[in-house]
């Protein structure tokens, strides 16, 4: 992986390695944070630790002030596609410190993949044709203080319109990273700007950031309104998540027991001497049970009446006890 010093000692060790081999400029790996300023142990052009603004996606270039390899080397932010390095300093991935027990590794995540080459070529064509001339006018007006507010408002208005370039059928330039970072640099440490690099490859900053940095304060409100209306209107909603798999249908309910409302069916072939006697039922219950069982199972609805003497008290007259169903069709009658 690219050189990624964690301490000043590691940074100076890598600088010594580059000087020893005659390298005057090389790119370094860098951390990224969308919300906080990140500091690196490389020395910036102002002599302090290099600071990477929150959300800045430019790359870190470590280079010599002049062509003499003995000159002072410093780090600064440059477009990642700029061809400014003449060497490569790497560190072994195998030597990367392991994470602490129960912790996570501090290894920086891999950079996102580059856009398709057709999109990149179309954007650079648009930058060369539209962005470079207007940026030059604003930067020149900023030096002479000549109608810069008019130029800024006109530039913002044009960028807020939908544009077409090459394979891109429609896009909003004001919302895309197709502008230069600044005119002559944002600070003593951050000197990346249009005056140092006018190649379309150096246009890697959102146009709203460039305009708010270089235009007069009295134009910021109008520019911000254009940004809000252009970059929020029509923003597609995130795609819906995958729909949950369909729920399996509930298992079918067991059918109600045959003749359940008329009594209890018992299989004659399964009867045991130890089984309890059938409960007393009426003839009407037996008749209805025989019809229901016969229709459901294709059996006969004939009845075989079982009579038994009453054993209650001194009455010995016959009492109706139960009946046999379906015996005329199957040899294993059902008894209720």
C-alpha atoms as a PDB file:
ATOM      1  CA  UNK A   1       0.000   0.000   0.000  1.00  0.00           C
ATOM      2  CA  UNK A   2       1.036   3.655  -0.384  1.00  0.00           C
ATOM      3  CA  UNK A   3       3.085   5.231   2.365  1.00  0.00           C
ATOM      4  CA  UNK A   4       0.833   6.052   5.306  1.00  0.00           C
ATOM      5  CA  UNK A   5       2.849   7.368   8.279  1.00  0.00           C
ATOM      6  CA  UNK A   6       1.255   7.315  11.714  1.00  0.00           C
ATOM      7  CA  UNK A   7       4.003   9.252  13.483  1.00  0.00           C
ATOM      8  CA  UNK A   8       6.513  11.966  12.602  1.00  0.00           C
ATOM      9  CA  UNK A   9       9.296   9.388  12.922  1.00  0.00           C
ATOM     10  CA  UNK A  10       7.688   7.220  10.241  1.00  0.00           C
ATOM     11  CA  UNK A  11       7.143  10.279   8.024  1.00  0.00           C
ATOM     12  CA  UNK A  12      10.801  11.359   8.212  1.00  0.00           C
ATOM     13  CA  UNK A  13      11.915   7.781   7.639  1.00  0.00           C
ATOM     14  CA  UNK A  14       9.916   7.680   4.422  1.00  0.00           C
ATOM     15  CA  UNK A  15      11.313  11.061   3.360  1.00  0.00           C
ATOM     16  CA  UNK A  16      14.828   9.729   3.901  1.00  0.00           C
ATOM     17  CA  UNK A  17      13.998   6.677   1.802  1.00  0.00           C
ATOM     18  CA  UNK A  18      12.762   8.937  -1.019  1.00  0.00           C
ATOM     19  CA  UNK A  19      15.853  11.197  -0.902  1.00  0.00           C
ATOM     20  CA  UNK A  20      18.163   8.210  -0.912  1.00  0.00           C
ATOM     21  CA  UNK A  21      16.629   7.019  -4.195  1.00  0.00           C
ATOM     22  CA  UNK A  22      16.349  10.416  -5.858  1.00  0.00           C
ATOM     23  CA  UNK A  23      12.540  10.676  -5.645  1.00  0.00           C
ATOM     24  CA  UNK A  24      11.340  14.299  -5.592  1.00  0.00           C
ATOM     25  CA  UNK A  25       7.565  13.735  -5.354  1.00  0.00           C
ATOM     26  CA  UNK A  26       5.268  10.871  -4.403  1.00  0.00           C
ATOM     27  CA  UNK A  27       1.668  10.347  -3.329  1.00  0.00           C
ATOM     28  CA  UNK A  28       0.774   9.207   0.156  1.00  0.00           C
ATOM     29  CA  UNK A  29      -2.190   7.294   1.476  1.00  0.00           C
ATOM     30  CA  UNK A  30      -4.528   9.361   3.637  1.00  0.00           C
ATOM     31  CA  UNK A  31      -7.458   8.966   6.043  1.00  0.00           C
ATOM     32  CA  UNK A  32     -10.897  10.353   5.273  1.00  0.00           C
ATOM     33  CA  UNK A  33     -13.500  11.961   7.493  1.00  0.00           C
ATOM     34  CA  UNK A  34     -16.735  13.564   6.368  1.00  0.00           C
ATOM     35  CA  UNK A  35     -17.221  15.536   9.583  1.00  0.00           C
ATOM     36  CA  UNK A  36     -13.802  16.347  11.102  1.00  0.00           C
ATOM     37  CA  UNK A  37     -10.495  17.897  10.045  1.00  0.00           C
ATOM     38  CA  UNK A  38      -7.843  15.181   9.846  1.00  0.00           C
ATOM     39  CA  UNK A  39      -4.179  15.835  10.608  1.00  0.00           C
ATOM     40  CA  UNK A  40      -1.273  13.870   9.161  1.00  0.00           C
ATOM     41  CA  UNK A  41       2.358  13.817  10.387  1.00  0.00           C
ATOM     42  CA  UNK A  42       3.577  15.154   7.026  1.00  0.00           C
ATOM     43  CA  UNK A  43       4.826  18.758   7.186  1.00  0.00           C
ATOM     44  CA  UNK A  44       2.729  21.218   5.232  1.00  0.00           C
ATOM     45  CA  UNK A  45       4.050  24.206   3.290  1.00  0.00           C
ATOM     46  CA  UNK A  46       3.596  26.362   6.412  1.00  0.00           C
ATOM     47  CA  UNK A  47       5.721  24.026   8.569  1.00  0.00           C
ATOM     48  CA  UNK A  48       2.774  22.572  10.502  1.00  0.00           C
ATOM     49  CA  UNK A  49       1.143  19.149  10.285  1.00  0.00           C
ATOM     50  CA  UNK A  50      -0.861  18.725   7.110  1.00  0.00           C
ATOM     51  CA  UNK A  51      -4.563  19.322   7.683  1.00  0.00           C
ATOM     52  CA  UNK A  52      -7.194  17.673   5.485  1.00  0.00           C
ATOM     53  CA  UNK A  53     -10.555  19.495   5.598  1.00  0.00           C
ATOM     54  CA  UNK A  54     -13.669  17.502   6.391  1.00  0.00           C
ATOM     55  CA  UNK A  55     -15.129  15.878   3.299  1.00  0.00           C
ATOM     56  CA  UNK A  56     -12.072  16.708   1.128  1.00  0.00           C
ATOM     57  CA  UNK A  57     -11.282  13.853  -1.260  1.00  0.00           C
ATOM     58  CA  UNK A  58      -8.069  15.183  -2.804  1.00  0.00           C
ATOM     59  CA  UNK A  59      -4.886  13.164  -2.508  1.00  0.00           C
ATOM     60  CA  UNK A  60      -1.740  13.953  -0.518  1.00  0.00           C
ATOM     61  CA  UNK A  61       1.353  14.755  -2.606  1.00  0.00           C
ATOM     62  CA  UNK A  62       4.734  14.928  -0.877  1.00  0.00           C
ATOM     63  CA  UNK A  63       7.166  16.878  -3.061  1.00  0.00           C
ATOM     64  CA  UNK A  64      10.379  18.902  -3.027  1.00  0.00           C
ATOM     65  CA  UNK A  65      10.248  22.694  -3.262  1.00  0.00           C
ATOM     66  CA  UNK A  66      12.624  22.721  -6.210  1.00  0.00           C
ATOM     67  CA  UNK A  67      14.296  20.197  -8.485  1.00  0.00           C
ATOM     68  CA  UNK A  68      17.179  19.698  -6.046  1.00  0.00           C
ATOM     69  CA  UNK A  69      16.694  16.499  -4.086  1.00  0.00           C
ATOM     70  CA  UNK A  70      18.261  18.238  -1.073  1.00  0.00           C
ATOM     71  CA  UNK A  71      15.460  20.827  -0.990  1.00  0.00           C
ATOM     72  CA  UNK A  72      12.766  20.954   1.637  1.00  0.00           C
ATOM     73  CA  UNK A  73       9.985  18.398   1.115  1.00  0.00           C
ATOM     74  CA  UNK A  74       6.427  19.175   2.138  1.00  0.00           C
ATOM     75  CA  UNK A  75       2.961  17.692   1.714  1.00  0.00           C
ATOM     76  CA  UNK A  76      -0.051  19.315   0.106  1.00  0.00           C
ATOM     77  CA  UNK A  77      -3.436  18.343  -1.296  1.00  0.00           C
ATOM     78  CA  UNK A  78      -3.558  17.792  -5.031  1.00  0.00           C
ATOM     79  CA  UNK A  79      -6.075  16.247  -7.468  1.00  0.00           C
ATOM     80  CA  UNK A  80      -5.736  12.486  -7.408  1.00  0.00           C
ATOM     81  CA  UNK A  81      -5.579  12.294 -11.207  1.00  0.00           C
ATOM     82  CA  UNK A  82      -2.764  14.859 -11.516  1.00  0.00           C
ATOM     83  CA  UNK A  83       0.466  13.385 -12.900  1.00  0.00           C
ATOM     84  CA  UNK A  84       2.834  15.006 -10.438  1.00  0.00           C
ATOM     85  CA  UNK A  85       4.717  12.085  -8.853  1.00  0.00           C
ATOM     86  CA  UNK A  86       8.051  10.797 -10.138  1.00  0.00           C
ATOM     87  CA  UNK A  87       8.361   7.941  -7.677  1.00  0.00           C
ATOM     88  CA  UNK A  88       6.485   5.581  -5.423  1.00  0.00           C
ATOM     89  CA  UNK A  89       6.928   4.939  -1.713  1.00  0.00           C
ATOM     90  CA  UNK A  90       5.108   1.902  -0.360  1.00  0.00           C
ATOM     91  CA  UNK A  91       4.923  -0.002   2.888  1.00  0.00           C
ATOM     92  CA  UNK A  92       4.357  -3.688   3.330  1.00  0.00           C
ATOM     93  CA  UNK A  93       0.783  -4.622   4.088  1.00  0.00           C
ATOM     94  CA  UNK A  94       2.053  -7.610   6.067  1.00  0.00           C
ATOM     95  CA  UNK A  95       3.788  -5.202   8.443  1.00  0.00           C
ATOM     96  CA  UNK A  96       0.596  -3.312   9.239  1.00  0.00           C
ATOM     97  CA  UNK A  97       0.059  -3.404  13.019  1.00  0.00           C
ATOM     98  CA  UNK A  98      -2.616  -5.885  14.047  1.00  0.00           C
ATOM     99  CA  UNK A  99      -5.693  -4.559  15.829  1.00  0.00           C
ATOM    100  CA  UNK A 100      -5.771  -4.756  19.624  1.00  0.00           C
ATOM    101  CA  UNK A 101      -7.617  -7.674  21.202  1.00  0.00           C
ATOM    102  CA  UNK A 102     -11.320  -7.128  20.659  1.00  0.00           C
ATOM    103  CA  UNK A 103     -10.671  -4.007  18.558  1.00  0.00           C
ATOM    104  CA  UNK A 104     -10.807  -3.172  14.883  1.00  0.00           C
ATOM    105  CA  UNK A 105      -7.981  -2.465  12.478  1.00  0.00           C
ATOM    106  CA  UNK A 106      -6.977   1.140  11.751  1.00  0.00           C
ATOM    107  CA  UNK A 107      -6.126   0.303   8.179  1.00  0.00           C
ATOM    108  CA  UNK A 108      -7.743   2.903   5.889  1.00  0.00           C
ATOM    109  CA  UNK A 109     -10.546   1.614   3.660  1.00  0.00           C
ATOM    110  CA  UNK A 110      -9.764   1.221  -0.038  1.00  0.00           C
ATOM    111  CA  UNK A 111     -10.647   4.204  -2.244  1.00  0.00           C
ATOM    112  CA  UNK A 112     -13.877   4.061  -4.241  1.00  0.00           C
ATOM    113  CA  UNK A 113     -13.596   2.835  -7.841  1.00  0.00           C
ATOM    114  CA  UNK A 114     -13.117   5.533 -10.481  1.00  0.00           C
ATOM    115  CA  UNK A 115     -16.074   6.516 -12.676  1.00  0.00           C
ATOM    116  CA  UNK A 116     -16.365   4.964 -16.150  1.00  0.00           C
ATOM    117  CA  UNK A 117     -13.885   6.371 -18.647  1.00  0.00           C
ATOM    118  CA  UNK A 118     -16.725   7.706 -20.827  1.00  0.00           C
ATOM    119  CA  UNK A 119     -18.096   9.757 -17.930  1.00  0.00           C
ATOM    120  CA  UNK A 120     -14.637  11.084 -17.047  1.00  0.00           C
ATOM    121  CA  UNK A 121     -13.925  12.119 -20.645  1.00  0.00           C
ATOM    122  CA  UNK A 122     -17.311  13.848 -20.940  1.00  0.00           C
ATOM    123  CA  UNK A 123     -16.792  15.777 -17.706  1.00  0.00           C
ATOM    124  CA  UNK A 124     -13.321  16.931 -18.714  1.00  0.00           C
ATOM    125  CA  UNK A 125     -14.628  18.102 -22.089  1.00  0.00           C
ATOM    126  CA  UNK A 126     -17.269  20.158 -20.268  1.00  0.00           C
ATOM    127  CA  UNK A 127     -14.648  21.591 -17.905  1.00  0.00           C
ATOM    128  CA  UNK A 128     -12.374  22.608 -20.776  1.00  0.00           C
ATOM    129  CA  UNK A 129     -15.216  24.245 -22.685  1.00  0.00           C
ATOM    130  CA  UNK A 130     -17.317  25.875 -19.955  1.00  0.00           C
ATOM    131  CA  UNK A 131     -15.530  25.913 -16.598  1.00  0.00           C
ATOM    132  CA  UNK A 132     -11.993  26.995 -17.520  1.00  0.00           C
ATOM    133  CA  UNK A 133     -12.957  30.256 -19.339  1.00  0.00           C
ATOM    134  CA  UNK A 134     -15.419  31.334 -16.624  1.00  0.00           C
ATOM    135  CA  UNK A 135     -12.985  30.428 -13.840  1.00  0.00           C
ATOM    136  CA  UNK A 136     -10.263  32.453 -15.529  1.00  0.00           C
ATOM    137  CA  UNK A 137     -12.590  35.457 -15.737  1.00  0.00           C
ATOM    138  CA  UNK A 138     -13.522  35.226 -12.041  1.00  0.00           C
ATOM    139  CA  UNK A 139      -9.913  34.786 -10.901  1.00  0.00           C
ATOM    140  CA  UNK A 140      -8.738  37.699 -13.045  1.00  0.00           C
ATOM    141  CA  UNK A 141     -11.593  39.893 -11.802  1.00  0.00           C
ATOM    142  CA  UNK A 142     -10.675  38.922  -8.259  1.00  0.00           C
ATOM    143  CA  UNK A 143      -7.174  40.280  -8.829  1.00  0.00           C
ATOM    144  CA  UNK A 144      -8.439  43.553 -10.273  1.00  0.00           C
ATOM    145  CA  UNK A 145     -11.688  43.773  -8.247  1.00  0.00           C
ATOM    146  CA  UNK A 146     -13.589  44.424 -11.481  1.00  0.00           C
ATOM    147  CA  UNK A 147     -17.288  43.407 -11.495  1.00  0.00           C
ATOM    148  CA  UNK A 148     -16.553  40.111  -9.782  1.00  0.00           C
ATOM    149  CA  UNK A 149     -20.056  39.990  -8.243  1.00  0.00           C
ATOM    150  CA  UNK A 150     -21.646  40.161 -11.708  1.00  0.00           C
ATOM    151  CA  UNK A 151     -19.375  37.378 -12.978  1.00  0.00           C
ATOM    152  CA  UNK A 152     -20.099  35.191  -9.930  1.00  0.00           C
ATOM    153  CA  UNK A 153     -23.871  35.557 -10.259  1.00  0.00           C
ATOM    154  CA  UNK A 154     -23.714  34.840 -13.977  1.00  0.00           C
ATOM    155  CA  UNK A 155     -21.455  31.805 -13.451  1.00  0.00           C
ATOM    156  CA  UNK A 156     -23.750  30.397 -10.748  1.00  0.00           C
ATOM    157  CA  UNK A 157     -26.846  30.957 -12.882  1.00  0.00           C
ATOM    158  CA  UNK A 158     -25.341  29.128 -15.858  1.00  0.00           C
ATOM    159  CA  UNK A 159     -24.145  26.248 -13.698  1.00  0.00           C
ATOM    160  CA  UNK A 160     -27.620  25.871 -12.194  1.00  0.00           C
ATOM    161  CA  UNK A 161     -29.029  24.995 -15.617  1.00  0.00           C
ATOM    162  CA  UNK A 162     -29.173  21.413 -16.794  1.00  0.00           C
ATOM    163  CA  UNK A 163     -26.261  20.627 -19.134  1.00  0.00           C
ATOM    164  CA  UNK A 164     -25.306  17.895 -21.579  1.00  0.00           C
ATOM    165  CA  UNK A 165     -21.799  16.657 -22.326  1.00  0.00           C
ATOM    166  CA  UNK A 166     -20.719  13.628 -24.326  1.00  0.00           C
ATOM    167  CA  UNK A 167     -22.260  10.477 -22.919  1.00  0.00           C
ATOM    168  CA  UNK A 168     -23.989  12.419 -20.129  1.00  0.00           C
ATOM    169  CA  UNK A 169     -27.471  13.268 -21.337  1.00  0.00           C
ATOM    170  CA  UNK A 170     -28.299  15.592 -18.441  1.00  0.00           C
ATOM    171  CA  UNK A 171     -26.606  16.749 -15.228  1.00  0.00           C
ATOM    172  CA  UNK A 172     -26.474  19.785 -12.915  1.00  0.00           C
ATOM    173  CA  UNK A 173     -22.942  21.299 -13.066  1.00  0.00           C
ATOM    174  CA  UNK A 174     -23.522  23.322  -9.912  1.00  0.00           C
ATOM    175  CA  UNK A 175     -23.917  20.084  -7.957  1.00  0.00           C
ATOM    176  CA  UNK A 176     -20.969  18.200  -9.500  1.00  0.00           C
ATOM    177  CA  UNK A 177     -17.211  18.247  -8.711  1.00  0.00           C
ATOM    178  CA  UNK A 178     -16.282  19.942 -12.007  1.00  0.00           C
ATOM    179  CA  UNK A 179     -14.782  23.194 -10.682  1.00  0.00           C
ATOM    180  CA  UNK A 180     -11.311  24.096  -9.442  1.00  0.00           C
ATOM    181  CA  UNK A 181     -10.570  24.182  -5.742  1.00  0.00           C
ATOM    182  CA  UNK A 182      -9.712  27.881  -5.701  1.00  0.00           C
ATOM    183  CA  UNK A 183      -8.006  30.585  -7.743  1.00  0.00           C
ATOM    184  CA  UNK A 184      -4.647  30.816  -6.027  1.00  0.00           C
ATOM    185  CA  UNK A 185      -5.006  28.605  -2.976  1.00  0.00           C
ATOM    186  CA  UNK A 186      -7.242  28.573   0.086  1.00  0.00           C
ATOM    187  CA  UNK A 187      -4.459  29.045   2.687  1.00  0.00           C
ATOM    188  CA  UNK A 188      -0.699  29.030   3.151  1.00  0.00           C
ATOM    189  CA  UNK A 189      -0.846  25.267   3.431  1.00  0.00           C
ATOM    190  CA  UNK A 190      -3.504  24.579   0.780  1.00  0.00           C
ATOM    191  CA  UNK A 191      -2.086  26.120  -2.404  1.00  0.00           C
ATOM    192  CA  UNK A 192      -4.034  23.952  -4.838  1.00  0.00           C
ATOM    193  CA  UNK A 193      -5.807  26.239  -7.305  1.00  0.00           C
ATOM    194  CA  UNK A 194      -6.486  27.340 -10.857  1.00  0.00           C
ATOM    195  CA  UNK A 195      -3.275  29.400 -11.079  1.00  0.00           C
ATOM    196  CA  UNK A 196      -1.149  26.325 -10.345  1.00  0.00           C
ATOM    197  CA  UNK A 197      -3.051  23.823 -12.495  1.00  0.00           C
ATOM    198  CA  UNK A 198      -5.479  24.661 -15.284  1.00  0.00           C
ATOM    199  CA  UNK A 199      -5.808  21.154 -16.605  1.00  0.00           C
ATOM    200  CA  UNK A 200      -9.370  19.719 -16.437  1.00  0.00           C
ATOM    201  CA  UNK A 201      -7.967  16.903 -14.308  1.00  0.00           C
ATOM    202  CA  UNK A 202      -7.472  19.459 -11.518  1.00  0.00           C
ATOM    203  CA  UNK A 203     -11.172  20.398 -11.499  1.00  0.00           C
ATOM    204  CA  UNK A 204     -12.291  18.058  -8.745  1.00  0.00           C
ATOM    205  CA  UNK A 205     -14.223  20.342  -6.394  1.00  0.00           C
ATOM    206  CA  UNK A 206     -17.914  21.124  -6.144  1.00  0.00           C
ATOM    207  CA  UNK A 207     -18.731  24.354  -7.999  1.00  0.00           C
ATOM    208  CA  UNK A 208     -20.710  25.629  -5.031  1.00  0.00           C
ATOM    209  CA  UNK A 209     -17.575  25.392  -2.858  1.00  0.00           C
ATOM    210  CA  UNK A 210     -15.498  27.281  -5.417  1.00  0.00           C
ATOM    211  CA  UNK A 211     -18.058  30.082  -5.773  1.00  0.00           C
ATOM    212  CA  UNK A 212     -18.570  30.502  -2.029  1.00  0.00           C
ATOM    213  CA  UNK A 213     -14.784  30.645  -1.551  1.00  0.00           C
ATOM    214  CA  UNK A 214     -13.889  33.105  -4.318  1.00  0.00           C
ATOM    215  CA  UNK A 215     -16.990  35.301  -4.683  1.00  0.00           C
ATOM    216  CA  UNK A 216     -17.839  38.371  -2.530  1.00  0.00           C
ATOM    217  CA  UNK A 217     -19.869  37.815   0.617  1.00  0.00           C
ATOM    218  CA  UNK A 218     -22.832  39.784  -0.743  1.00  0.00           C
ATOM    219  CA  UNK A 219     -23.317  37.131  -3.458  1.00  0.00           C
ATOM    220  CA  UNK A 220     -23.318  34.129  -1.107  1.00  0.00           C
ATOM    221  CA  UNK A 221     -27.034  34.250  -0.294  1.00  0.00           C
ATOM    222  CA  UNK A 222     -28.041  34.193  -3.974  1.00  0.00           C
ATOM    223  CA  UNK A 223     -25.523  31.442  -4.749  1.00  0.00           C
ATOM    224  CA  UNK A 224     -26.731  29.350  -1.828  1.00  0.00           C
ATOM    225  CA  UNK A 225     -30.335  29.691  -2.991  1.00  0.00           C
ATOM    226  CA  UNK A 226     -29.337  28.400  -6.425  1.00  0.00           C
ATOM    227  CA  UNK A 227     -27.490  25.513  -4.815  1.00  0.00           C
ATOM    228  CA  UNK A 228     -30.462  24.612  -2.646  1.00  0.00           C
ATOM    229  CA  UNK A 229     -32.922  24.750  -5.547  1.00  0.00           C
ATOM    230  CA  UNK A 230     -30.693  22.934  -8.056  1.00  0.00           C
ATOM    231  CA  UNK A 231     -29.087  20.273  -5.891  1.00  0.00           C
ATOM    232  CA  UNK A 232     -32.148  19.262  -3.887  1.00  0.00           C
ATOM    233  CA  UNK A 233     -34.877  19.459  -6.531  1.00  0.00           C
ATOM    234  CA  UNK A 234     -35.461  16.151  -8.202  1.00  0.00           C
ATOM    235  CA  UNK A 235     -32.979  14.281  -6.053  1.00  0.00           C
ATOM    236  CA  UNK A 236     -33.952  10.636  -6.476  1.00  0.00           C
ATOM    237  CA  UNK A 237     -35.050   8.794  -3.416  1.00  0.00           C
ATOM    238  CA  UNK A 238     -32.942   5.843  -2.376  1.00  0.00           C
ATOM    239  CA  UNK A 239     -34.130   2.609  -3.909  1.00  0.00           C
ATOM    240  CA  UNK A 240     -36.508   0.660  -1.716  1.00  0.00           C
ATOM    241  CA  UNK A 241     -35.068  -2.238   0.151  1.00  0.00           C
ATOM    242  CA  UNK A 242     -35.668  -5.779  -0.898  1.00  0.00           C
ATOM    243  CA  UNK A 243     -39.167  -6.880  -0.125  1.00  0.00           C
ATOM    244  CA  UNK A 244     -39.387  -9.558   2.529  1.00  0.00           C
ATOM    245  CA  UNK A 245     -40.007 -13.068   1.274  1.00  0.00           C
ATOM    246  CA  UNK A 246     -43.649 -14.026   1.203  1.00  0.00           C
ATOM    247  CA  UNK A 247     -44.883 -15.694   4.323  1.00  0.00           C
ATOM    248  CA  UNK A 248     -45.626 -19.329   4.002  1.00  0.00           C
ATOM    249  CA  UNK A 249     -49.319 -20.078   4.250  1.00  0.00           C
ATOM    250  CA  UNK A 250     -50.455 -21.352   7.588  1.00  0.00           C
ATOM    251  CA  UNK A 251     -50.873 -25.113   7.830  1.00  0.00           C
ATOM    252  CA  UNK A 252     -54.380 -26.289   7.052  1.00  0.00           C
ATOM    253  CA  UNK A 253     -56.591 -26.726  10.008  1.00  0.00           C
ATOM    254  CA  UNK A 254     -57.546 -30.223  10.957  1.00  0.00           C
ATOM    255  CA  UNK A 255     -61.101 -30.952   9.943  1.00  0.00           C
ATOM    256  CA  UNK A 256     -63.580 -31.162  12.783  1.00  0.00           C
ATOM    257  CA  UNK A 257     -64.125 -34.721  14.019  1.00  0.00           C
ATOM    258  CA  UNK A 258     -66.889 -36.546  12.222  1.00  0.00           C
ATOM    259  CA  UNK A 259     -70.145 -36.438  14.061  1.00  0.00           C
ATOM    260  CA  UNK A 260     -68.443 -34.408  16.761  1.00  0.00           C
ATOM    261  CA  UNK A 261     -71.646 -32.570  17.574  1.00  0.00           C
ATOM    262  CA  UNK A 262     -73.549 -35.843  18.061  1.00  0.00           C
ATOM    263  CA  UNK A 263     -71.159 -37.827  20.207  1.00  0.00           C
ATOM    264  CA  UNK A 264     -67.758 -39.552  20.004  1.00  0.00           C
ATOM    265  CA  UNK A 265     -66.767 -41.898  17.175  1.00  0.00           C
ATOM    266  CA  UNK A 266     -64.722 -44.950  18.105  1.00  0.00           C
ATOM    267  CA  UNK A 267     -63.265 -47.530  15.706  1.00  0.00           C
ATOM    268  CA  UNK A 268     -64.697 -50.935  16.383  1.00  0.00           C
ATOM    269  CA  UNK A 269     -61.536 -52.811  15.352  1.00  0.00           C
ATOM    270  CA  UNK A 270     -59.539 -50.762  17.869  1.00  0.00           C
ATOM    271  CA  UNK A 271     -61.850 -51.451  20.787  1.00  0.00           C
ATOM    272  CA  UNK A 272     -60.290 -53.093  23.824  1.00  0.00           C
ATOM    273  CA  UNK A 273     -62.015 -54.823  26.727  1.00  0.00           C
ATOM    274  CA  UNK A 274     -60.510 -52.248  29.027  1.00  0.00           C
ATOM    275  CA  UNK A 275     -62.056 -49.303  27.135  1.00  0.00           C
ATOM    276  CA  UNK A 276     -64.813 -47.472  29.028  1.00  0.00           C
ATOM    277  CA  UNK A 277     -68.379 -48.000  27.977  1.00  0.00           C
ATOM    278  CA  UNK A 278     -69.961 -45.682  25.458  1.00  0.00           C
ATOM    279  CA  UNK A 279     -71.922 -42.810  26.903  1.00  0.00           C
ATOM    280  CA  UNK A 280     -75.664 -42.861  26.586  1.00  0.00           C
ATOM    281  CA  UNK A 281     -76.912 -41.201  23.371  1.00  0.00           C
ATOM    282  CA  UNK A 282     -80.310 -40.701  21.827  1.00  0.00           C
ATOM    283  CA  UNK A 283     -81.590 -42.373  18.702  1.00  0.00           C
ATOM    284  CA  UNK A 284     -81.771 -39.009  16.906  1.00  0.00           C
ATOM    285  CA  UNK A 285     -78.070 -38.375  17.601  1.00  0.00           C
ATOM    286  CA  UNK A 286     -77.215 -41.802  16.190  1.00  0.00           C
ATOM    287  CA  UNK A 287     -79.306 -41.198  13.090  1.00  0.00           C
ATOM    288  CA  UNK A 288     -77.691 -37.843  12.310  1.00  0.00           C
ATOM    289  CA  UNK A 289     -74.196 -39.228  12.988  1.00  0.00           C
ATOM    290  CA  UNK A 290     -74.838 -42.115  10.602  1.00  0.00           C
ATOM    291  CA  UNK A 291     -75.915 -39.706   7.811  1.00  0.00           C
ATOM    292  CA  UNK A 292     -72.860 -37.428   8.360  1.00  0.00           C
ATOM    293  CA  UNK A 293     -70.385 -40.313   8.454  1.00  0.00           C
ATOM    294  CA  UNK A 294     -71.940 -41.998   5.457  1.00  0.00           C
ATOM    295  CA  UNK A 295     -71.794 -38.829   3.309  1.00  0.00           C
ATOM    296  CA  UNK A 296     -68.210 -38.035   4.376  1.00  0.00           C
ATOM    297  CA  UNK A 297     -66.701 -41.499   3.997  1.00  0.00           C
ATOM    298  CA  UNK A 298     -68.932 -43.069   1.408  1.00  0.00           C
ATOM    299  CA  UNK A 299     -70.279 -45.602   3.906  1.00  0.00           C
ATOM    300  CA  UNK A 300     -73.744 -46.871   4.523  1.00  0.00           C
ATOM    301  CA  UNK A 301     -75.979 -44.736   6.699  1.00  0.00           C
ATOM    302  CA  UNK A 302     -77.642 -47.825   8.192  1.00  0.00           C
ATOM    303  CA  UNK A 303     -77.734 -48.133  11.950  1.00  0.00           C
ATOM    304  CA  UNK A 304     -77.134 -51.143  14.179  1.00  0.00           C
ATOM    305  CA  UNK A 305     -78.894 -50.360  17.451  1.00  0.00           C
ATOM    306  CA  UNK A 306     -77.352 -51.590  20.706  1.00  0.00           C
ATOM    307  CA  UNK A 307     -79.738 -52.000  23.600  1.00  0.00           C
ATOM    308  CA  UNK A 308     -78.879 -52.778  27.188  1.00  0.00           C
ATOM    309  CA  UNK A 309     -80.998 -53.076  30.320  1.00  0.00           C
ATOM    310  CA  UNK A 310     -80.965 -50.144  32.650  1.00  0.00           C
ATOM    311  CA  UNK A 311     -78.973 -50.750  35.776  1.00  0.00           C
ATOM    312  CA  UNK A 312     -80.184 -47.768  37.710  1.00  0.00           C
ATOM    313  CA  UNK A 313     -82.344 -48.556  40.678  1.00  0.00           C
ATOM    314  CA  UNK A 314     -84.821 -51.420  40.319  1.00  0.00           C
ATOM    315  CA  UNK A 315     -85.873 -50.502  36.736  1.00  0.00           C
ATOM    316  CA  UNK A 316     -84.923 -53.339  34.354  1.00  0.00           C
ATOM    317  CA  UNK A 317     -86.583 -52.010  31.204  1.00  0.00           C
ATOM    318  CA  UNK A 318     -84.273 -51.730  28.130  1.00  0.00           C
ATOM    319  CA  UNK A 319     -82.298 -48.477  27.810  1.00  0.00           C
ATOM    320  CA  UNK A 320     -80.825 -47.264  24.485  1.00  0.00           C
ATOM    321  CA  UNK A 321     -76.975 -47.216  24.893  1.00  0.00           C
ATOM    322  CA  UNK A 322     -75.338 -46.738  21.466  1.00  0.00           C
ATOM    323  CA  UNK A 323     -75.240 -47.670  17.809  1.00  0.00           C
ATOM    324  CA  UNK A 324     -72.872 -49.049  15.180  1.00  0.00           C
ATOM    325  CA  UNK A 325     -72.284 -47.109  11.948  1.00  0.00           C
ATOM    326  CA  UNK A 326     -71.024 -48.187   8.510  1.00  0.00           C
ATOM    327  CA  UNK A 327     -70.856 -51.902   9.223  1.00  0.00           C
ATOM    328  CA  UNK A 328     -72.620 -52.773   5.974  1.00  0.00           C
ATOM    329  CA  UNK A 329     -69.644 -51.441   3.879  1.00  0.00           C
ATOM    330  CA  UNK A 330     -66.510 -51.992   5.954  1.00  0.00           C
ATOM    331  CA  UNK A 331     -65.494 -54.750   8.316  1.00  0.00           C
ATOM    332  CA  UNK A 332     -64.190 -52.192  10.802  1.00  0.00           C
ATOM    333  CA  UNK A 333     -67.344 -50.370  11.844  1.00  0.00           C
ATOM    334  CA  UNK A 334     -67.276 -47.081  13.655  1.00  0.00           C
ATOM    335  CA  UNK A 335     -69.069 -47.104  16.978  1.00  0.00           C
ATOM    336  CA  UNK A 336     -70.612 -44.091  18.625  1.00  0.00           C
END
